[in-house]
Structures are given as structure tokens and as C-alpha cells.
């Protein structure tokens, strides 16, 4: 997993996760939040899987490259 922006500052650039079969994007974000209490205050995290933004119900498979982004703001 690759972290970007504020998440990268808080957690470092990368981390490996072992997930159960049929884990979803949502379950991965929940696992990150449980492991890293500081992430709870970040807001809605955006997730890309293999270079494409993913929905929370997307199922992850072994070898997927997952990137997490904090919410984007600005104008």
C-alpha cells in the first residue's frame, strides 16, 4: 500500500497488509484506521487500486497495488 500527502507524513510512504480472501476496499480502510488511530481524524480517504480510483465495495486480490489519499480540498 502506498500513502500520499498527509497520510504519507503520518504513516510513512508504504506499508504491507495481509488481508483475508474477498477483502474489500472498505475493509482495508477500516484496518488502516484501526491500526493507526491518527487516521481517524483525516476524513474520507480516497483509494486507488492498480492506478484506478476504487469504490468501497471493490474486492481486493493478491498483488493489487493500493494507494490511499486524504480528502482533497481547495478551490
N, C-alpha and C. Protein backbone atom coordinates (compact mmCIF):
# COMPACT_ATOMS: atom_id res chain seq x y z
N UNK A 1 0.84 -1.15 0.00
CA UNK A 1 0.00 0.00 0.00
C UNK A 1 0.89 1.23 0.00
N UNK A 2 0.46 2.24 -0.70
CA UNK A 2 1.21 3.48 -0.82
C UNK A 2 0.36 4.59 -0.23
N UNK A 3 0.99 5.43 0.60
CA UNK A 3 0.29 6.58 1.19
C UNK A 3 0.74 7.86 0.52
N UNK A 4 -0.18 8.81 0.40
CA UNK A 4 0.13 10.10 -0.21
C UNK A 4 -0.25 11.25 0.72
N UNK A 5 0.41 12.40 0.50
CA UNK A 5 0.12 13.66 1.17
C UNK A 5 0.15 13.50 2.69
N UNK A 6 -0.89 13.96 3.37
CA UNK A 6 -0.96 13.95 4.83
C UNK A 6 -0.81 12.53 5.39
N UNK A 7 -1.36 11.54 4.71
CA UNK A 7 -1.23 10.16 5.18
C UNK A 7 0.24 9.71 5.14
N UNK A 8 0.96 10.11 4.10
CA UNK A 8 2.37 9.77 3.98
C UNK A 8 3.17 10.40 5.11
N UNK A 9 2.83 11.66 5.46
CA UNK A 9 3.52 12.33 6.56
C UNK A 9 3.26 11.62 7.89
N UNK A 10 2.04 11.11 8.07
CA UNK A 10 1.67 10.46 9.33
C UNK A 10 2.18 9.03 9.43
N UNK A 11 2.15 8.28 8.32
CA UNK A 11 2.37 6.84 8.37
C UNK A 11 3.62 6.36 7.64
N UNK A 12 4.24 7.24 6.87
CA UNK A 12 5.37 6.82 6.05
C UNK A 12 4.90 6.55 4.63
N UNK A 13 5.82 6.27 3.71
CA UNK A 13 5.43 6.14 2.30
C UNK A 13 4.70 4.86 1.94
N UNK A 14 5.02 3.75 2.60
CA UNK A 14 4.40 2.47 2.22
C UNK A 14 4.19 1.58 3.44
N UNK A 15 3.33 0.58 3.25
CA UNK A 15 3.08 -0.40 4.29
C UNK A 15 2.50 -1.64 3.61
N UNK A 16 2.81 -2.81 4.16
CA UNK A 16 2.24 -4.06 3.63
C UNK A 16 1.13 -4.54 4.55
N UNK A 17 0.08 -5.06 3.94
CA UNK A 17 -1.05 -5.60 4.69
C UNK A 17 -1.35 -7.01 4.22
N UNK A 18 -1.69 -7.87 5.16
CA UNK A 18 -2.19 -9.20 4.85
C UNK A 18 -3.69 -9.16 5.11
N UNK A 19 -4.47 -9.44 4.09
CA UNK A 19 -5.92 -9.42 4.22
C UNK A 19 -6.48 -10.80 3.95
N UNK A 20 -7.67 -11.03 4.45
CA UNK A 20 -8.35 -12.28 4.17
C UNK A 20 -8.88 -12.26 2.74
N UNK A 21 -9.14 -13.45 2.19
CA UNK A 21 -9.74 -13.54 0.86
C UNK A 21 -11.04 -12.76 0.82
N UNK A 22 -11.33 -12.17 -0.31
CA UNK A 22 -12.56 -11.40 -0.54
C UNK A 22 -12.63 -10.12 0.28
N UNK A 23 -11.48 -9.60 0.75
CA UNK A 23 -11.49 -8.32 1.45
C UNK A 23 -11.81 -7.21 0.47
N UNK A 24 -12.51 -6.22 0.96
CA UNK A 24 -12.90 -5.09 0.11
C UNK A 24 -12.04 -3.86 0.42
N UNK A 25 -12.17 -2.86 -0.43
CA UNK A 25 -11.51 -1.58 -0.19
C UNK A 25 -11.95 -1.04 1.17
N UNK A 26 -13.24 -1.13 1.46
CA UNK A 26 -13.76 -0.63 2.74
C UNK A 26 -13.10 -1.35 3.93
N UNK A 27 -12.94 -2.67 3.84
CA UNK A 27 -12.34 -3.40 4.96
C UNK A 27 -10.86 -3.04 5.12
N UNK A 28 -10.19 -2.73 4.03
CA UNK A 28 -8.79 -2.29 4.11
C UNK A 28 -8.70 -0.94 4.81
N UNK A 29 -9.54 -0.01 4.43
CA UNK A 29 -9.53 1.32 5.07
C UNK A 29 -9.85 1.18 6.56
N UNK A 30 -10.78 0.31 6.89
CA UNK A 30 -11.10 0.07 8.30
C UNK A 30 -9.89 -0.50 9.05
N UNK A 31 -9.15 -1.40 8.42
CA UNK A 31 -7.97 -1.99 9.04
C UNK A 31 -6.89 -0.94 9.28
N UNK A 32 -6.69 -0.06 8.30
CA UNK A 32 -5.71 1.02 8.46
C UNK A 32 -6.12 1.93 9.61
N UNK A 33 -7.40 2.26 9.67
CA UNK A 33 -7.90 3.13 10.72
C UNK A 33 -7.74 2.49 12.10
N UNK A 34 -7.97 1.20 12.20
CA UNK A 34 -7.79 0.52 13.48
C UNK A 34 -6.33 0.45 13.89
N UNK A 35 -5.44 0.24 12.95
CA UNK A 35 -4.01 0.14 13.25
C UNK A 35 -3.38 1.49 13.55
N UNK A 36 -3.90 2.54 12.93
CA UNK A 36 -3.31 3.87 13.05
C UNK A 36 -4.39 4.85 13.50
N UNK A 37 -4.49 5.03 14.80
CA UNK A 37 -5.53 5.87 15.38
C UNK A 37 -5.51 7.29 14.80
N UNK A 38 -4.35 7.79 14.42
CA UNK A 38 -4.23 9.15 13.90
C UNK A 38 -5.01 9.35 12.59
N UNK A 39 -5.30 8.28 11.89
CA UNK A 39 -6.01 8.37 10.61
C UNK A 39 -7.50 8.70 10.82
N UNK A 40 -8.02 8.40 11.98
CA UNK A 40 -9.45 8.61 12.25
C UNK A 40 -9.91 10.04 12.01
N UNK A 41 -9.07 11.02 12.28
CA UNK A 41 -9.46 12.41 12.12
C UNK A 41 -9.24 12.98 10.73
N UNK A 42 -8.76 12.18 9.81
CA UNK A 42 -8.41 12.67 8.47
C UNK A 42 -9.65 12.96 7.63
N UNK A 43 -10.69 12.20 7.78
CA UNK A 43 -11.88 12.33 6.93
C UNK A 43 -11.96 11.18 5.95
N UNK A 44 -12.78 11.34 4.94
CA UNK A 44 -12.99 10.27 3.95
C UNK A 44 -11.73 10.06 3.11
N UNK A 45 -11.20 8.87 3.18
CA UNK A 45 -9.97 8.53 2.45
C UNK A 45 -10.34 8.04 1.06
N UNK A 46 -9.63 8.55 0.06
CA UNK A 46 -9.81 8.10 -1.32
C UNK A 46 -8.84 6.96 -1.58
N UNK A 47 -9.29 5.96 -2.34
CA UNK A 47 -8.48 4.77 -2.59
C UNK A 47 -8.38 4.51 -4.08
N UNK A 48 -7.16 4.23 -4.52
CA UNK A 48 -6.93 3.80 -5.90
C UNK A 48 -6.35 2.39 -5.85
N UNK A 49 -6.82 1.53 -6.74
CA UNK A 49 -6.32 0.16 -6.85
C UNK A 49 -5.77 -0.01 -8.25
N UNK A 50 -4.49 -0.32 -8.33
CA UNK A 50 -3.82 -0.50 -9.62
C UNK A 50 -4.00 0.71 -10.54
N UNK A 51 -3.93 1.90 -9.94
CA UNK A 51 -3.96 3.13 -10.72
C UNK A 51 -5.34 3.67 -11.04
N UNK A 52 -6.39 3.02 -10.57
CA UNK A 52 -7.77 3.46 -10.84
C UNK A 52 -8.49 3.70 -9.52
N UNK A 53 -9.21 4.82 -9.41
CA UNK A 53 -9.96 5.06 -8.19
C UNK A 53 -10.98 3.94 -8.00
N UNK A 54 -11.13 3.50 -6.74
CA UNK A 54 -11.95 2.33 -6.43
C UNK A 54 -13.10 2.70 -5.51
N UNK A 55 -14.17 1.94 -5.63
CA UNK A 55 -15.33 2.09 -4.76
C UNK A 55 -15.12 1.22 -3.53
N UNK A 56 -15.84 1.52 -2.45
CA UNK A 56 -15.64 0.81 -1.19
C UNK A 56 -15.94 -0.68 -1.29
N UNK A 57 -16.84 -1.07 -2.19
CA UNK A 57 -17.22 -2.48 -2.30
C UNK A 57 -16.30 -3.29 -3.23
N UNK A 58 -15.34 -2.64 -3.88
CA UNK A 58 -14.42 -3.37 -4.75
C UNK A 58 -13.64 -4.41 -3.94
N UNK A 59 -13.55 -5.63 -4.48
CA UNK A 59 -12.82 -6.72 -3.82
C UNK A 59 -11.35 -6.64 -4.22
N UNK A 60 -10.47 -6.80 -3.24
CA UNK A 60 -9.04 -6.77 -3.49
C UNK A 60 -8.52 -8.19 -3.70
N UNK A 61 -7.50 -8.31 -4.55
CA UNK A 61 -6.87 -9.61 -4.78
C UNK A 61 -5.37 -9.48 -4.54
N UNK A 62 -4.73 -10.61 -4.29
CA UNK A 62 -3.30 -10.61 -4.04
C UNK A 62 -2.57 -9.94 -5.19
N UNK A 63 -1.64 -9.08 -4.86
CA UNK A 63 -0.85 -8.38 -5.86
C UNK A 63 -1.37 -7.01 -6.24
N UNK A 64 -2.59 -6.66 -5.79
CA UNK A 64 -3.11 -5.31 -6.06
C UNK A 64 -2.20 -4.27 -5.43
N UNK A 65 -2.00 -3.18 -6.14
CA UNK A 65 -1.28 -2.04 -5.60
C UNK A 65 -2.32 -1.01 -5.20
N UNK A 66 -2.37 -0.75 -3.90
CA UNK A 66 -3.40 0.13 -3.35
C UNK A 66 -2.75 1.42 -2.88
N UNK A 67 -3.35 2.54 -3.26
CA UNK A 67 -2.87 3.85 -2.84
C UNK A 67 -3.98 4.56 -2.08
N UNK A 68 -3.62 5.17 -0.95
CA UNK A 68 -4.58 5.91 -0.14
C UNK A 68 -4.24 7.39 -0.17
N UNK A 69 -5.27 8.20 -0.36
CA UNK A 69 -5.15 9.65 -0.44
C UNK A 69 -6.08 10.28 0.58
N UNK A 70 -5.63 11.32 1.28
CA UNK A 70 -6.54 12.03 2.17
C UNK A 70 -7.53 12.84 1.32
N UNK A 71 -8.60 13.34 1.95
CA UNK A 71 -9.55 14.16 1.20
C UNK A 71 -8.86 15.36 0.57
N UNK A 72 -9.32 15.75 -0.59
CA UNK A 72 -8.75 16.88 -1.31
C UNK A 72 -9.62 18.10 -1.05
N UNK A 73 -9.00 19.21 -0.76
CA UNK A 73 -9.76 20.45 -0.58
C UNK A 73 -9.09 21.56 -1.37
N UNK A 74 -9.76 22.65 -1.47
CA UNK A 74 -9.20 23.78 -2.19
C UNK A 74 -10.16 24.29 -3.22
N UNK A 75 -9.70 25.21 -3.99
CA UNK A 75 -10.63 25.78 -4.97
C UNK A 75 -9.98 26.23 -6.21
